[in-house]
Amino acid sequence: MLLNVDKNSKNVSLKKIRNNELLYLMSCSSSLPGADRTICNVLIDEMKNIIHVYDDLRHCSTSIFKELDQTLIIEMMSLLGVEYGRYRIVLYYAPILKNPFIREYELKSEKLITVNTEDLNELFYRKALNNESLEK
């Protein structure tokens, strides 16, 4: 039997963290040949309709910033059971020059844009600021 597999698939997987209904460990294929999977934490903010994604950069792969595209977002939202386009995506990772790197991924333009302070998630901001490990 031949399976129709999308060769552009990011092969996204999600695992709930410690019975927290809104916090996940996500992994996806890397675009770098021979690299490990990219892993990060995903947190759903249902009040603000934002999906927060934190990458601690401790994996032997490319960052979530490099991997994030429409295909990954569609796969992730499908696994989360949320409608594509209903949630915004905010990305966080370890400090660059002592400041956490945080951007919103704009779905329409597929570009990284500045995030409003009120849209930040306190847990992921603290993790990025202090270069903390992922929740597993």
N, C-alpha and C. Protein backbone atom coordinates (compact mmCIF):
# COMPACT_ATOMS: atom_id res chain seq x y z
N MET A 1 0.85 -1.18 0.00
CA MET A 1 0.00 0.00 0.00
C MET A 1 0.89 1.24 0.00
N LEU A 2 0.62 2.18 -0.89
CA LEU A 2 1.39 3.40 -1.01
C LEU A 2 0.72 4.52 -0.23
N LEU A 3 1.48 5.17 0.64
CA LEU A 3 0.93 6.29 1.41
C LEU A 3 1.26 7.59 0.72
N ASN A 4 0.32 8.50 0.70
CA ASN A 4 0.54 9.81 0.13
C ASN A 4 1.06 10.73 1.23
N VAL A 5 2.38 10.84 1.34
CA VAL A 5 3.00 11.65 2.38
C VAL A 5 3.48 12.96 1.77
N ASP A 6 3.10 14.06 2.38
CA ASP A 6 3.53 15.37 1.91
C ASP A 6 5.02 15.52 2.20
N LYS A 7 5.83 15.65 1.14
CA LYS A 7 7.27 15.75 1.36
C LYS A 7 7.66 17.07 2.02
N ASN A 8 6.74 18.04 2.09
CA ASN A 8 7.00 19.30 2.78
C ASN A 8 6.59 19.24 4.25
N SER A 9 6.05 18.11 4.68
CA SER A 9 5.57 17.96 6.05
C SER A 9 6.70 18.22 7.04
N LYS A 10 6.36 18.85 8.14
CA LYS A 10 7.32 19.10 9.22
C LYS A 10 7.31 17.98 10.25
N ASN A 11 6.41 16.99 10.06
CA ASN A 11 6.35 15.85 10.96
C ASN A 11 6.26 16.30 12.42
N VAL A 12 5.29 17.14 12.70
CA VAL A 12 5.11 17.74 14.03
C VAL A 12 4.52 16.72 14.99
N SER A 13 5.05 16.70 16.21
CA SER A 13 4.44 15.90 17.28
C SER A 13 4.28 16.77 18.52
N LEU A 14 3.24 16.50 19.29
CA LEU A 14 2.94 17.25 20.52
C LEU A 14 2.72 16.27 21.66
N LYS A 15 3.20 16.64 22.84
CA LYS A 15 2.98 15.84 24.04
C LYS A 15 2.60 16.79 25.17
N LYS A 16 1.49 16.50 25.86
CA LYS A 16 1.07 17.33 27.00
C LYS A 16 2.10 17.23 28.12
N ILE A 17 2.27 18.33 28.82
CA ILE A 17 3.20 18.40 29.94
C ILE A 17 2.44 18.26 31.25
N ARG A 18 2.76 17.23 32.02
CA ARG A 18 2.24 17.05 33.39
C ARG A 18 0.78 17.41 33.58
N ASN A 19 -0.08 16.86 32.79
CA ASN A 19 -1.53 17.08 32.92
C ASN A 19 -1.96 18.54 32.79
N ASN A 20 -1.09 19.40 32.28
CA ASN A 20 -1.47 20.78 32.01
C ASN A 20 -2.12 20.78 30.63
N GLU A 21 -3.39 21.11 30.57
CA GLU A 21 -4.14 21.03 29.31
C GLU A 21 -3.65 21.99 28.24
N LEU A 22 -2.90 23.02 28.63
CA LEU A 22 -2.52 24.05 27.68
C LEU A 22 -1.03 24.11 27.38
N LEU A 23 -0.20 23.29 28.03
CA LEU A 23 1.25 23.31 27.85
C LEU A 23 1.71 22.01 27.20
N TYR A 24 2.51 22.14 26.14
CA TYR A 24 2.95 20.98 25.36
C TYR A 24 4.45 21.04 25.09
N LEU A 25 5.02 19.86 24.83
CA LEU A 25 6.35 19.74 24.26
C LEU A 25 6.13 19.41 22.79
N MET A 26 6.66 20.24 21.91
CA MET A 26 6.49 20.04 20.48
C MET A 26 7.84 19.70 19.86
N SER A 27 7.82 18.82 18.89
CA SER A 27 9.02 18.57 18.10
C SER A 27 8.63 18.54 16.62
N CYS A 28 9.60 18.90 15.79
CA CYS A 28 9.37 18.88 14.35
C CYS A 28 10.67 18.55 13.64
N SER A 29 10.56 18.10 12.42
CA SER A 29 11.74 17.81 11.62
C SER A 29 12.53 19.08 11.37
N SER A 30 13.82 18.93 11.31
CA SER A 30 14.70 20.06 11.02
C SER A 30 14.91 20.19 9.52
N SER A 31 15.09 21.41 9.05
CA SER A 31 15.38 21.62 7.64
C SER A 31 16.87 21.40 7.35
N LEU A 32 17.66 21.21 8.40
CA LEU A 32 19.10 20.98 8.26
C LEU A 32 19.35 19.48 8.14
N PRO A 33 19.84 19.01 7.00
CA PRO A 33 20.05 17.57 6.81
C PRO A 33 20.94 16.98 7.90
N GLY A 34 20.50 15.86 8.47
CA GLY A 34 21.27 15.17 9.49
C GLY A 34 21.12 15.72 10.90
N ALA A 35 20.39 16.81 11.06
CA ALA A 35 20.21 17.41 12.39
C ALA A 35 19.11 16.68 13.16
N ASP A 36 19.17 16.80 14.48
CA ASP A 36 18.11 16.26 15.32
C ASP A 36 16.83 17.06 15.09
N ARG A 37 15.76 16.61 15.73
CA ARG A 37 14.48 17.33 15.64
C ARG A 37 14.56 18.63 16.45
N THR A 38 13.88 19.65 15.99
CA THR A 38 13.75 20.89 16.74
C THR A 38 12.69 20.66 17.81
N ILE A 39 12.99 21.04 19.06
CA ILE A 39 12.01 20.87 20.14
C ILE A 39 11.77 22.19 20.84
N CYS A 40 10.56 22.37 21.33
CA CYS A 40 10.19 23.60 22.02
C CYS A 40 8.94 23.36 22.85
N ASN A 41 8.62 24.33 23.70
CA ASN A 41 7.36 24.29 24.45
C ASN A 41 6.33 25.14 23.75
N VAL A 42 5.09 24.71 23.82
CA VAL A 42 3.96 25.42 23.23
C VAL A 42 2.92 25.61 24.33
N LEU A 43 2.43 26.83 24.46
CA LEU A 43 1.42 27.16 25.47
C LEU A 43 0.27 27.89 24.78
N ILE A 44 -0.95 27.45 25.03
CA ILE A 44 -2.12 28.08 24.42
C ILE A 44 -2.73 29.07 25.40
N ASP A 45 -2.87 30.32 24.96
CA ASP A 45 -3.57 31.35 25.74
C ASP A 45 -4.93 31.53 25.09
N GLU A 46 -5.93 30.86 25.65
CA GLU A 46 -7.27 30.89 25.06
C GLU A 46 -7.97 32.23 25.27
N MET A 47 -7.56 32.99 26.28
CA MET A 47 -8.18 34.30 26.54
C MET A 47 -7.80 35.31 25.45
N LYS A 48 -6.53 35.29 25.04
CA LYS A 48 -6.03 36.25 24.06
C LYS A 48 -5.90 35.66 22.65
N ASN A 49 -6.23 34.36 22.51
CA ASN A 49 -6.07 33.66 21.23
C ASN A 49 -4.63 33.78 20.70
N ILE A 50 -3.70 33.40 21.57
CA ILE A 50 -2.28 33.42 21.20
C ILE A 50 -1.68 32.05 21.53
N ILE A 51 -0.89 31.54 20.61
CA ILE A 51 -0.09 30.34 20.86
C ILE A 51 1.34 30.83 21.08
N HIS A 52 1.87 30.57 22.28
CA HIS A 52 3.23 30.96 22.64
C HIS A 52 4.15 29.77 22.42
N VAL A 53 5.32 30.03 21.83
CA VAL A 53 6.28 28.97 21.52
C VAL A 53 7.64 29.38 22.08
N TYR A 54 8.21 28.53 22.96
CA TYR A 54 9.51 28.81 23.58
C TYR A 54 10.54 27.77 23.17
N ASP A 55 11.67 28.24 22.66
CA ASP A 55 12.78 27.38 22.24
C ASP A 55 13.99 27.74 23.10
N ASP A 56 14.51 26.77 23.86
CA ASP A 56 15.67 27.05 24.72
C ASP A 56 17.00 26.87 23.98
N LEU A 57 16.96 26.47 22.73
CA LEU A 57 18.13 26.31 21.87
C LEU A 57 19.12 25.27 22.38
N ARG A 58 18.67 24.35 23.24
CA ARG A 58 19.57 23.33 23.78
C ARG A 58 19.56 22.03 22.96
N HIS A 59 18.82 21.98 21.89
CA HIS A 59 18.78 20.80 21.03
C HIS A 59 19.83 20.95 19.93
N CYS A 60 20.21 19.86 19.33
CA CYS A 60 21.22 19.87 18.25
C CYS A 60 20.51 19.99 16.91
N SER A 61 19.84 21.11 16.74
CA SER A 61 19.05 21.32 15.53
C SER A 61 18.91 22.81 15.29
N THR A 62 18.09 23.16 14.31
CA THR A 62 17.82 24.56 14.03
C THR A 62 16.77 25.09 15.00
N SER A 63 16.73 26.40 15.16
CA SER A 63 15.76 27.02 16.08
C SER A 63 14.36 26.99 15.47
N ILE A 64 13.38 27.16 16.33
CA ILE A 64 11.99 27.21 15.86
C ILE A 64 11.78 28.40 14.93
N PHE A 65 12.56 29.46 15.09
CA PHE A 65 12.45 30.61 14.19
C PHE A 65 12.78 30.21 12.76
N LYS A 66 13.73 29.31 12.58
CA LYS A 66 14.12 28.84 11.25
C LYS A 66 13.07 27.90 10.68
N GLU A 67 12.46 27.09 11.54
CA GLU A 67 11.53 26.06 11.07
C GLU A 67 10.10 26.55 10.87
N LEU A 68 9.73 27.63 11.54
CA LEU A 68 8.34 28.08 11.51
C LEU A 68 7.95 28.56 10.12
N ASP A 69 6.92 27.96 9.59
CA ASP A 69 6.34 28.38 8.32
C ASP A 69 4.88 27.94 8.31
N GLN A 70 4.20 28.20 7.22
CA GLN A 70 2.77 27.89 7.15
C GLN A 70 2.51 26.40 7.34
N THR A 71 3.35 25.55 6.78
CA THR A 71 3.17 24.10 6.92
C THR A 71 3.23 23.67 8.38
N LEU A 72 4.26 24.14 9.10
CA LEU A 72 4.39 23.78 10.51
C LEU A 72 3.20 24.30 11.31
N ILE A 73 2.78 25.52 11.05
CA ILE A 73 1.65 26.10 11.78
C ILE A 73 0.37 25.31 11.53
N ILE A 74 0.12 24.94 10.29
CA ILE A 74 -1.08 24.15 9.98
C ILE A 74 -1.02 22.81 10.70
N GLU A 75 0.13 22.13 10.67
CA GLU A 75 0.26 20.84 11.36
C GLU A 75 0.07 21.01 12.87
N MET A 76 0.71 22.03 13.46
CA MET A 76 0.60 22.27 14.89
C MET A 76 -0.84 22.58 15.29
N MET A 77 -1.49 23.48 14.56
CA MET A 77 -2.86 23.85 14.90
C MET A 77 -3.82 22.68 14.73
N SER A 78 -3.57 21.85 13.74
CA SER A 78 -4.40 20.67 13.55
C SER A 78 -4.27 19.73 14.75
N LEU A 79 -3.04 19.49 15.21
CA LEU A 79 -2.82 18.64 16.38
C LEU A 79 -3.41 19.24 17.65
N LEU A 80 -3.38 20.57 17.75
CA LEU A 80 -3.95 21.25 18.92
C LEU A 80 -5.47 21.33 18.85
N GLY A 81 -6.02 21.10 17.67
CA GLY A 81 -7.47 21.16 17.50
C GLY A 81 -8.00 22.57 17.43
N VAL A 82 -7.17 23.50 16.93
CA VAL A 82 -7.61 24.89 16.79
C VAL A 82 -7.63 25.28 15.31
N GLU A 83 -8.49 26.20 14.99
CA GLU A 83 -8.66 26.63 13.60
C GLU A 83 -7.50 27.51 13.16
N TYR A 84 -6.96 27.21 11.97
CA TYR A 84 -5.87 28.00 11.41
C TYR A 84 -6.33 29.45 11.25
N GLY A 85 -5.50 30.37 11.69
CA GLY A 85 -5.81 31.79 11.56
C GLY A 85 -6.55 32.37 12.75
N ARG A 86 -7.07 31.53 13.62
CA ARG A 86 -7.81 32.03 14.79
C ARG A 86 -6.86 32.50 15.90
N TYR A 87 -5.67 31.92 15.95
CA TYR A 87 -4.68 32.23 16.97
C TYR A 87 -3.47 32.92 16.36
N ARG A 88 -2.89 33.85 17.11
CA ARG A 88 -1.62 34.46 16.72
C ARG A 88 -0.50 33.60 17.31
N ILE A 89 0.71 33.75 16.77
CA ILE A 89 1.86 32.96 17.21
C ILE A 89 2.93 33.92 17.74
N VAL A 90 3.35 33.72 19.01
CA VAL A 90 4.43 34.51 19.59
C VAL A 90 5.57 33.56 19.93
N LEU A 91 6.78 33.88 19.44
CA LEU A 91 7.97 33.04 19.61
C LEU A 91 8.94 33.68 20.60
N TYR A 92 9.53 32.83 21.43
CA TYR A 92 10.50 33.28 22.44
C TYR A 92 11.74 32.41 22.33
N TYR A 93 12.92 33.01 22.47
CA TYR A 93 14.07 32.17 22.76
C TYR A 93 15.13 32.91 23.53
N ALA A 94 16.15 32.14 23.93
CA ALA A 94 17.19 32.58 24.86
C ALA A 94 17.74 33.96 24.52
N PRO A 95 18.27 34.62 25.53
CA PRO A 95 18.76 35.99 25.34
C PRO A 95 19.86 36.11 24.30
N ILE A 96 19.76 37.18 23.54
CA ILE A 96 20.84 37.60 22.66
C ILE A 96 21.28 38.94 23.24
N LEU A 97 22.52 39.04 23.64
CA LEU A 97 23.01 40.24 24.32
C LEU A 97 22.17 40.60 25.54
N LYS A 98 21.84 39.58 26.34
CA LYS A 98 21.12 39.71 27.62
C LYS A 98 19.65 40.09 27.49
N ASN A 99 19.13 40.14 26.29
CA ASN A 99 17.70 40.41 26.09
C ASN A 99 17.06 39.21 25.41
N PRO A 100 15.92 38.74 25.95
CA PRO A 100 15.26 37.61 25.28
C PRO A 100 14.81 38.02 23.88
N PHE A 101 14.88 37.10 22.95
CA PHE A 101 14.46 37.37 21.58
C PHE A 101 13.01 36.91 21.45
N ILE A 102 12.12 37.86 21.24
CA ILE A 102 10.68 37.56 21.19
C ILE A 102 10.09 38.27 19.98
N ARG A 103 9.37 37.52 19.15
CA ARG A 103 8.72 38.09 17.98
C ARG A 103 7.38 37.39 17.76
N GLU A 104 6.49 38.12 17.10
CA GLU A 104 5.24 37.51 16.65
C GLU A 104 5.43 37.10 15.20
N TYR A 105 4.91 35.93 14.86
CA TYR A 105 4.93 35.46 13.48
C TYR A 105 3.59 35.84 12.86
N GLU A 106 3.63 36.77 11.92
CA GLU A 106 2.41 37.24 11.28
C GLU A 106 2.01 36.24 10.18
N LEU A 107 0.83 35.65 10.33
CA LEU A 107 0.40 34.60 9.42
C LEU A 107 0.26 35.07 7.97
N LYS A 108 -0.31 36.25 7.76
CA LYS A 108 -0.55 36.72 6.39
C LYS A 108 0.74 37.00 5.63
N SER A 109 1.66 37.73 6.26
CA SER A 109 2.90 38.11 5.58
C SER A 109 4.01 37.08 5.77
N GLU A 110 3.83 36.15 6.72
CA GLU A 110 4.85 35.16 7.08
C GLU A 110 6.15 35.83 7.49
N LYS A 111 6.03 36.94 8.21
CA LYS A 111 7.20 37.69 8.69
C LYS A 111 7.16 37.80 10.21
N LEU A 112 8.33 38.00 10.79
CA LEU A 112 8.42 38.24 12.23
C LEU A 112 8.24 39.72 12.50
N ILE A 113 7.36 40.03 13.46
CA ILE A 113 7.08 41.42 13.79
C ILE A 113 7.23 41.63 15.30
N THR A 114 7.27 42.88 15.71
CA THR A 114 7.37 43.22 17.13
C THR A 114 6.10 42.82 17.87
N VAL A 115 6.28 42.38 19.11
CA VAL A 115 5.16 41.93 19.95
C VAL A 115 4.81 43.03 20.94
N ASN A 116 3.51 43.26 21.13
CA ASN A 116 3.07 44.18 22.17
C ASN A 116 3.32 43.56 23.53
N THR A 117 3.78 44.35 24.48
CA THR A 117 4.11 43.87 25.82
C THR A 117 2.94 43.14 26.47
N GLU A 118 1.73 43.63 26.28
CA GLU A 118 0.56 43.00 26.92
C GLU A 118 0.25 41.62 26.34
N ASP A 119 0.86 41.26 25.21
CA ASP A 119 0.63 39.95 24.61
C ASP A 119 1.65 38.90 25.03
N LEU A 120 2.64 39.30 25.84
CA LEU A 120 3.66 38.36 26.29
C LEU A 120 3.10 37.42 27.35
N ASN A 121 3.60 36.21 27.37
CA ASN A 121 3.26 35.24 28.41
C ASN A 121 4.34 35.32 29.48
N GLU A 122 3.93 35.50 30.73
CA GLU A 122 4.88 35.69 31.83
C GLU A 122 5.84 34.51 31.99
N LEU A 123 5.32 33.28 31.93
CA LEU A 123 6.16 32.09 32.08
C LEU A 123 7.22 32.02 30.99
N PHE A 124 6.82 32.16 29.74
CA PHE A 124 7.77 32.04 28.64
C PHE A 124 8.72 33.24 28.59
N TYR A 125 8.26 34.42 28.98
CA TYR A 125 9.14 35.59 29.03
C TYR A 125 10.25 35.33 30.07
N ARG A 126 9.86 34.85 31.24
CA ARG A 126 10.84 34.56 32.31
C ARG A 126 11.82 33.48 31.85
N LYS A 127 11.31 32.43 31.21
CA LYS A 127 12.17 31.36 30.73
C LYS A 127 13.18 31.90 29.70
N ALA A 128 12.73 32.74 28.80
CA ALA A 128 13.62 33.31 27.79
C ALA A 128 14.63 34.26 28.43
N LEU A 129 14.18 35.08 29.35
CA LEU A 129 15.05 36.05 30.02
C LEU A 129 16.17 35.35 30.79
N ASN A 130 15.81 34.26 31.47
CA ASN A 130 16.77 33.53 32.31
C ASN A 130 17.42 32.34 31.62
N ASN A 131 17.14 32.17 30.33
CA ASN A 131 17.69 31.07 29.55
C ASN A 131 17.41 29.72 30.22
N GLU A 132 16.15 29.50 30.61
CA GLU A 132 15.75 28.28 31.31
C GLU A 132 15.47 27.14 30.33
N SER A 133 15.57 25.94 30.83
CA SER A 133 15.31 24.74 30.03
C SER A 133 13.82 24.58 29.72
N LEU A 134 13.55 23.80 28.70
CA LEU A 134 12.17 23.47 28.34
C LEU A 134 11.50 22.67 29.44
N GLU A 135 10.18 22.76 29.51
CA GLU A 135 9.38 21.88 30.36
C GLU A 135 9.22 20.58 29.59
N LYS A 136 9.43 19.45 30.28
CA LYS A 136 9.33 18.15 29.59
C LYS A 136 8.44 17.21 30.35
